[in-house]
Amino acid sequence: MKTKIFDFRNNQNYENLREATEIIKNGGLVAIPTETVYGLGGDGLNGESCRKIFEAKNRPMDNPLILHISDISELKRLTRDVKDSDLEILNKLWPGPLTVILKKSKIIPNEVTAGLDTVAIRMPNKEITREFIKLCETPIAAPSANLSTKPSPTSTKSVLEDMDGRIDAVIDGGDCEIGIESTVLDLTEEYPKILRPGYYTKEKLEKFWKIVYIDEGLNNINLTPKSPGQKYKHYAPNAEVQVLIGDDENFRKAVKKILSKNQDKKIGLMIFENDKGKFENENIIYMGNQNDLSYMGKILFDSLRKMDENSVELVVIRGVEEKGYGLSIMNRLKKSASQNVRRV
């Protein structure tokens, strides 16, 4: 199979989407751009199409998929027992990087929900993708468009590294603006609960819901996943990853010690601008300002992929405190590093 590329980086002629919609209607797979990461899309109401998603990704079948919709009105046929107050808030937050867990309707296949009574749904903040979903006339089931455990793709180039020849097509909408996956919020209990942290932090969400909890099982690999990103190893490059958290002096001492002890290894560093000039190393990626983590989030997965491209054997990453957006960043880094995180 040759994966076809539909280039919409500078093309607003949505009529050209129709060929891609026919792929979905015939049960095929199309990678789609979103503001967070690229998704691997199939017909979310077609169980066979959803099974193809799992096969293309080598994804465990007990890991639920997210349904992507083009309009909030689509919730009516996909869910049940949604609170009016929640709908009012979603009208303010969608389209955007928020996935919600709701009670599913009978038309949702078990392949989407891993047999659970709930379904994950979001409306992406990418006009071309919403238009594509609308033309498909079905919700699009779409986990990240990478091989399972690998870093999520934020460009068509990264999608093709994993999926060329495994899927029918990619809609190229340019690089993703945010770079890490959506926040997943469970709305089926008395109070909203974050199952996967993302761009919408607890603090941001509490401007809309008075109380928002964070799931205690956020990093518990033994739970039954209600949301994508809860259970399995994720976001990992081929290289070993170590994450170090500490002040400037202690972090730099620890890195220099690692560099000295591992002179036989090709080491890459992912550090902040204030560390510039502090290390002698050929493989350094700067992640922006330590006080504004938005750039770090945007380039995180692409940077891990670049380390693999450069045949790096050990990646040392400067971690951040788990507060605000830092909780979302560290959630990804812990899984990239298989929990190999230490304070220095």
Protein backbone atom coordinates (compact mmCIF):
# COMPACT_ATOMS: atom_id res chain seq x y z
CA MET A 1 0.00 0.00 0.00
CA LYS A 2 1.27 3.48 -0.89
CA THR A 3 0.11 6.12 1.58
CA LYS A 4 -1.32 9.12 -0.27
CA ILE A 5 -0.71 12.69 0.94
CA PHE A 6 -3.43 15.34 0.61
CA ASP A 7 -1.58 18.66 1.06
CA PHE A 8 -3.75 21.33 2.70
CA ARG A 9 -1.00 23.46 4.22
CA ASN A 10 -1.81 26.34 1.86
CA ASN A 11 -4.98 24.99 0.27
CA GLN A 12 -8.39 26.02 1.53
CA ASN A 13 -10.34 24.28 -1.26
CA TYR A 14 -12.23 21.80 0.90
CA GLU A 15 -13.79 20.20 -2.18
CA ASN A 16 -10.47 18.39 -2.54
CA LEU A 17 -11.24 16.58 0.73
CA ARG A 18 -13.84 14.41 -0.95
CA GLU A 19 -11.33 11.79 -2.10
CA ALA A 20 -10.16 11.40 1.49
CA THR A 21 -13.76 11.11 2.74
CA GLU A 22 -14.37 8.24 0.33
CA ILE A 23 -11.50 6.36 1.97
CA ILE A 24 -13.24 6.69 5.36
CA LYS A 25 -16.63 5.72 3.94
CA ASN A 26 -15.06 2.58 2.44
CA GLY A 27 -13.57 1.57 5.80
CA GLY A 28 -10.05 2.88 5.21
CA LEU A 29 -7.72 4.95 7.42
CA VAL A 30 -6.70 8.59 7.01
CA ALA A 31 -4.32 10.47 9.35
CA ILE A 32 -5.76 13.85 10.28
CA PRO A 33 -4.19 17.05 11.64
CA THR A 34 -5.39 18.55 14.91
CA GLU A 35 -4.12 21.36 17.12
CA THR A 36 -2.58 18.78 19.50
CA VAL A 37 -1.11 15.85 17.50
CA TYR A 38 -1.98 14.03 14.28
CA GLY A 39 -4.71 11.41 14.70
CA LEU A 40 -5.12 8.10 12.89
CA GLY A 41 -8.69 8.34 11.68
CA GLY A 42 -11.29 5.73 10.78
CA ASP A 43 -15.09 5.54 10.79
CA GLY A 44 -15.97 5.66 14.49
CA LEU A 45 -19.25 3.81 13.95
CA ASN A 46 -17.67 0.98 11.95
CA GLY A 47 -16.18 -1.71 14.21
CA GLU A 48 -14.11 -3.21 11.39
CA SER A 49 -12.60 0.17 10.53
CA CYS A 50 -11.73 0.70 14.20
CA ARG A 51 -10.01 -2.70 14.33
CA LYS A 52 -7.83 -1.56 11.44
CA ILE A 53 -6.69 1.37 13.60
CA PHE A 54 -5.53 -1.01 16.33
CA GLU A 55 -3.76 -3.19 13.77
CA ALA A 56 -1.98 -0.28 12.07
CA LYS A 57 -0.71 1.04 15.39
CA ASN A 58 -0.01 -2.34 17.06
CA ARG A 59 -2.26 -0.92 19.79
CA PRO A 60 -3.74 -3.11 22.57
CA MET A 61 -7.49 -3.58 22.08
CA ASP A 62 -8.30 -2.63 25.69
CA ASN A 63 -7.07 0.94 25.10
CA PRO A 64 -10.15 3.06 24.17
CA LEU A 65 -10.29 5.39 21.16
CA ILE A 66 -11.40 9.02 21.02
CA LEU A 67 -14.27 9.99 18.71
CA HIS A 68 -13.77 13.32 16.92
CA ILE A 69 -16.83 15.35 15.97
CA SER A 70 -17.43 18.50 13.90
CA ASP A 71 -20.30 20.00 15.88
CA ILE A 72 -21.52 19.73 19.47
CA SER A 73 -24.98 18.73 18.23
CA GLU A 74 -23.49 15.31 17.34
CA LEU A 75 -23.34 14.46 21.05
CA LYS A 76 -27.08 13.82 21.03
CA ARG A 77 -26.83 10.57 19.07
CA LEU A 78 -23.46 9.44 20.48
CA THR A 79 -24.09 9.88 24.22
CA ARG A 80 -26.74 9.80 26.91
CA ASP A 81 -27.43 11.47 30.25
CA VAL A 82 -25.29 14.55 29.53
CA LYS A 83 -25.91 17.34 32.06
CA ASP A 84 -27.21 20.62 30.65
CA SER A 85 -24.60 22.47 32.70
CA ASP A 86 -21.80 20.41 31.09
CA LEU A 87 -23.18 21.10 27.60
CA GLU A 88 -23.20 24.82 28.37
CA ILE A 89 -19.51 24.69 29.35
CA LEU A 90 -18.52 22.55 26.37
CA ASN A 91 -20.08 25.15 24.11
CA LYS A 92 -17.48 27.56 25.51
CA LEU A 93 -14.46 25.22 25.41
CA TRP A 94 -15.07 23.51 22.06
CA PRO A 95 -13.60 23.38 19.54
CA GLY A 96 -10.41 22.87 21.50
CA PRO A 97 -7.93 20.45 23.12
CA LEU A 98 -10.41 18.88 25.55
CA THR A 99 -11.72 15.31 25.41
CA VAL A 100 -14.66 14.40 27.64
CA ILE A 101 -15.78 11.00 28.89
CA LEU A 102 -19.56 10.55 28.69
CA LYS A 103 -22.05 7.70 28.85
CA LYS A 104 -22.21 6.11 25.40
CA SER A 105 -25.26 5.50 23.25
CA LYS A 106 -26.07 2.10 21.74
CA ILE A 107 -24.67 2.99 18.32
CA ILE A 108 -21.04 3.16 19.56
CA PRO A 109 -19.12 -0.05 18.71
CA ASN A 110 -17.29 -1.90 21.47
CA GLU A 111 -14.04 -1.48 19.53
CA VAL A 112 -14.16 2.25 20.28
CA THR A 113 -14.85 1.93 24.00
CA ALA A 114 -12.97 -1.31 24.81
CA GLY A 115 -16.31 -2.66 26.03
CA LEU A 116 -16.85 0.14 28.55
CA ASP A 117 -20.16 1.94 29.08
CA THR A 118 -18.49 5.28 28.36
CA VAL A 119 -17.05 7.01 25.29
CA ALA A 120 -14.33 9.64 24.84
CA ILE A 121 -15.27 12.54 22.53
CA ARG A 122 -13.70 15.80 21.40
CA MET A 123 -14.11 18.52 18.79
CA PRO A 124 -10.71 19.50 17.36
CA ASN A 125 -9.79 23.14 16.84
CA LYS A 126 -8.66 22.66 13.25
CA GLU A 127 -11.11 23.94 10.65
CA ILE A 128 -10.00 21.60 7.88
CA THR A 129 -10.40 18.59 10.18
CA ARG A 130 -13.87 19.58 11.31
CA GLU A 131 -14.85 20.07 7.66
CA PHE A 132 -13.43 16.63 6.86
CA ILE A 133 -15.45 15.03 9.68
CA LYS A 134 -18.57 16.82 8.49
CA LEU A 135 -18.08 15.53 4.93
CA CYS A 136 -17.50 11.98 6.23
CA GLU A 137 -20.94 12.14 7.92
CA THR A 138 -19.65 10.04 10.81
CA PRO A 139 -17.56 10.64 13.93
CA ILE A 140 -13.89 9.88 13.32
CA ALA A 141 -12.18 7.52 15.78
CA ALA A 142 -8.60 8.72 16.02
CA PRO A 143 -5.81 7.90 18.45
CA SER A 144 -2.41 9.46 17.74
CA ALA A 145 -1.06 8.44 14.32
CA ASN A 146 2.08 6.64 15.50
CA LEU A 147 3.11 3.10 16.26
CA SER A 148 2.10 2.19 19.80
CA THR A 149 4.65 3.37 22.44
CA LYS A 150 6.39 5.77 20.01
CA PRO A 151 6.30 9.58 20.37
CA SER A 152 3.10 11.08 19.02
CA PRO A 153 3.44 12.76 15.59
CA THR A 154 3.08 16.52 15.24
CA SER A 155 3.78 16.69 11.50
CA THR A 156 3.06 14.67 8.37
CA LYS A 157 6.74 13.74 8.24
CA SER A 158 6.46 12.06 11.66
CA VAL A 159 3.24 10.30 10.66
CA LEU A 160 4.91 8.79 7.61
CA GLU A 161 7.93 7.63 9.64
CA ASP A 162 5.59 5.18 11.38
CA MET A 163 2.61 4.79 9.05
CA ASP A 164 3.82 4.96 5.44
CA GLY A 165 2.41 1.87 3.76
CA ARG A 166 0.26 0.98 6.78
CA ILE A 167 -2.59 3.47 6.15
CA ASP A 168 -4.37 4.83 3.08
CA ALA A 169 -3.69 8.55 3.36
CA VAL A 170 -2.60 11.60 5.37
CA ILE A 171 -4.22 15.03 5.32
CA ASP A 172 -1.26 17.40 5.69
CA GLY A 173 -2.42 20.41 7.66
CA GLY A 174 1.04 21.58 8.70
CA ASP A 175 2.68 21.28 12.11
CA CYS A 176 0.47 20.97 15.20
CA GLU A 177 0.23 24.10 17.31
CA ILE A 178 0.11 22.57 20.81
CA GLY A 179 2.14 19.39 20.45
CA ILE A 180 0.80 17.18 23.25
CA GLU A 181 -2.51 15.37 23.38
CA SER A 182 -5.77 16.80 24.69
CA THR A 183 -6.79 16.88 28.31
CA VAL A 184 -9.20 14.02 29.07
CA LEU A 185 -11.94 14.94 31.54
CA ASP A 186 -14.39 12.38 32.96
CA LEU A 187 -17.89 13.90 33.23
CA THR A 188 -19.70 10.72 34.31
CA GLU A 189 -19.22 11.20 38.05
CA GLU A 190 -20.46 13.82 40.50
CA TYR A 191 -17.43 16.04 39.92
CA PRO A 192 -15.26 16.28 36.79
CA LYS A 193 -12.01 14.32 36.98
CA ILE A 194 -8.88 14.68 34.84
CA LEU A 195 -7.83 11.25 33.55
CA ARG A 196 -5.07 12.57 31.28
CA PRO A 197 -3.58 16.06 31.75
CA GLY A 198 -3.10 18.24 28.69
CA TYR A 199 -3.31 21.82 27.47
CA TYR A 200 -6.37 22.54 29.64
CA THR A 201 -4.96 22.37 33.17
CA LYS A 202 -6.88 21.84 36.40
CA GLU A 203 -6.56 25.57 37.09
CA LYS A 204 -8.02 26.50 33.68
CA LEU A 205 -10.88 24.02 33.97
CA GLU A 206 -11.83 25.26 37.44
CA LYS A 207 -12.76 28.57 35.85
CA PHE A 208 -15.69 26.66 34.31
CA TRP A 209 -16.36 23.82 36.75
CA LYS A 210 -16.14 24.84 40.40
CA ILE A 211 -14.33 21.65 41.46
CA VAL A 212 -12.12 19.48 39.24
CA TYR A 213 -10.28 16.44 40.59
CA ILE A 214 -7.18 14.75 39.24
CA ASP A 215 -7.43 10.97 38.93
CA GLU A 216 -5.38 9.20 41.58
CA GLY A 217 -4.54 6.48 39.07
CA LEU A 218 -2.89 8.87 36.60
CA ASN A 219 0.28 6.79 36.47
CA ASN A 220 -1.13 3.44 37.57
CA ILE A 221 -0.33 0.91 34.81
CA ASN A 222 -2.51 -1.76 36.50
CA LEU A 223 -5.86 0.01 36.06
CA THR A 224 -8.47 -0.66 33.39
CA PRO A 225 -8.05 2.39 31.14
CA LYS A 226 -11.12 4.59 30.84
CA SER A 227 -9.11 7.00 28.71
CA PRO A 228 -6.31 6.75 26.15
CA GLY A 229 -2.88 7.39 27.64
CA GLN A 230 -3.61 5.93 31.07
CA LYS A 231 -2.13 2.47 31.05
CA TYR A 232 0.67 1.68 28.65
CA LYS A 233 4.20 2.85 27.98
CA HIS A 234 3.92 5.85 25.67
CA TYR A 235 5.90 8.48 23.82
CA ALA A 236 9.21 6.57 23.98
CA PRO A 237 12.11 6.98 21.55
CA ASN A 238 14.51 4.11 20.88
CA ALA A 239 17.08 5.72 23.16
CA GLU A 240 17.16 5.43 26.95
CA VAL A 241 15.60 8.53 28.54
CA GLN A 242 16.52 10.09 31.88
CA VAL A 243 14.59 13.05 33.30
CA LEU A 244 16.29 15.24 35.91
CA ILE A 245 14.54 17.86 38.05
CA GLY A 246 16.47 20.43 40.07
CA ASP A 247 17.79 23.98 40.32
CA ASP A 248 20.34 25.24 37.80
CA GLU A 249 23.43 24.34 39.83
CA ASN A 250 22.40 20.81 40.79
CA PHE A 251 20.97 20.03 37.34
CA ARG A 252 24.16 21.10 35.59
CA LYS A 253 26.35 19.13 37.99
CA ALA A 254 24.25 16.01 37.44
CA VAL A 255 24.37 16.34 33.64
CA LYS A 256 28.13 16.84 33.60
CA LYS A 257 28.50 13.74 35.75
CA ILE A 258 26.37 11.72 33.29
CA LEU A 259 28.38 13.02 30.34
CA SER A 260 31.64 12.11 32.08
CA LYS A 261 30.51 8.60 33.02
CA ASN A 262 29.05 7.79 29.58
CA GLN A 263 31.75 8.98 27.19
CA ASP A 264 31.30 5.78 25.17
CA LYS A 265 27.65 6.67 24.44
CA LYS A 266 26.08 9.17 22.08
CA ILE A 267 24.14 11.45 24.43
CA GLY A 268 21.48 14.03 23.61
CA LEU A 269 20.31 16.86 25.85
CA MET A 270 16.89 18.53 25.91
CA ILE A 271 17.37 21.62 28.04
CA PHE A 272 16.17 25.22 28.46
CA GLU A 273 17.63 28.42 27.05
CA ASN A 274 19.16 29.38 30.40
CA ASP A 275 21.38 26.26 30.12
CA LYS A 276 22.83 27.46 26.81
CA GLY A 277 26.62 27.29 26.72
CA LYS A 278 26.86 25.18 29.89
CA PHE A 279 27.56 21.83 28.19
CA GLU A 280 29.85 20.55 25.47
CA ASN A 281 27.63 18.29 23.40
CA GLU A 282 26.75 17.97 19.71
CA ASN A 283 23.14 16.88 20.27
CA ILE A 284 21.35 19.63 22.16
CA ILE A 285 17.76 20.76 21.66
CA TYR A 286 16.64 23.90 23.48
CA MET A 287 13.07 23.84 24.73
CA GLY A 288 12.51 27.55 25.19
CA ASN A 289 11.93 29.45 28.41
CA GLN A 290 11.59 27.52 31.67
CA ASN A 291 8.88 29.95 32.78
CA ASP A 292 6.71 29.36 29.68
CA LEU A 293 6.28 25.66 28.92
CA SER A 294 4.13 26.11 25.80
CA TYR A 295 7.15 25.84 23.46
CA MET A 296 8.44 22.79 25.32
CA GLY A 297 5.07 21.12 24.81
CA LYS A 298 4.99 22.07 21.13
CA ILE A 299 8.38 20.51 20.30
CA LEU A 300 8.55 17.70 22.89
CA PHE A 301 7.58 14.72 20.72
CA ASP A 302 9.34 16.02 17.62
CA SER A 303 12.51 16.46 19.68
CA LEU A 304 12.38 12.85 20.88
CA ARG A 305 12.03 11.72 17.28
CA LYS A 306 15.00 13.88 16.26
CA MET A 307 17.12 12.16 18.90
CA ASP A 308 16.33 8.84 17.22
CA GLU A 309 17.17 10.31 13.80
CA ASN A 310 20.59 11.25 15.21
CA SER A 311 21.12 7.73 16.64
CA VAL A 312 21.35 9.07 20.18
CA GLU A 313 21.65 6.29 22.77
CA LEU A 314 20.82 8.27 25.93
CA VAL A 315 18.58 11.36 26.15
CA VAL A 316 18.83 13.54 29.25
CA ILE A 317 15.87 15.90 29.66
CA ARG A 318 15.43 18.73 32.12
CA GLY A 319 12.15 18.09 33.88
CA VAL A 320 9.80 20.62 35.46
CA GLU A 321 7.66 20.89 38.56
CA GLU A 322 4.30 19.08 38.37
CA LYS A 323 2.06 22.10 38.64
CA GLY A 324 -0.07 23.81 36.01
CA TYR A 325 1.02 22.80 32.51
CA GLY A 326 4.07 21.18 34.10
CA LEU A 327 1.83 18.30 35.23
CA SER A 328 0.93 17.60 31.59
CA ILE A 329 4.55 17.84 30.42
CA MET A 330 5.79 15.54 33.20
CA ASN A 331 3.03 13.02 32.52
CA ARG A 332 4.49 12.57 29.02
CA LEU A 333 8.11 12.64 30.19
CA LYS A 334 7.54 9.99 32.86
CA LYS A 335 6.13 7.64 30.25
CA SER A 336 8.86 8.48 27.74
CA ALA A 337 11.44 7.64 30.39
CA SER A 338 9.61 4.56 31.77
CA GLN A 339 9.43 6.46 35.10
CA ASN A 340 13.23 7.04 35.08
CA VAL A 341 12.83 10.45 36.73
CA ARG A 342 14.90 11.76 39.63
CA ARG A 343 15.37 14.94 41.59
CA VAL A 344 18.95 16.23 41.76
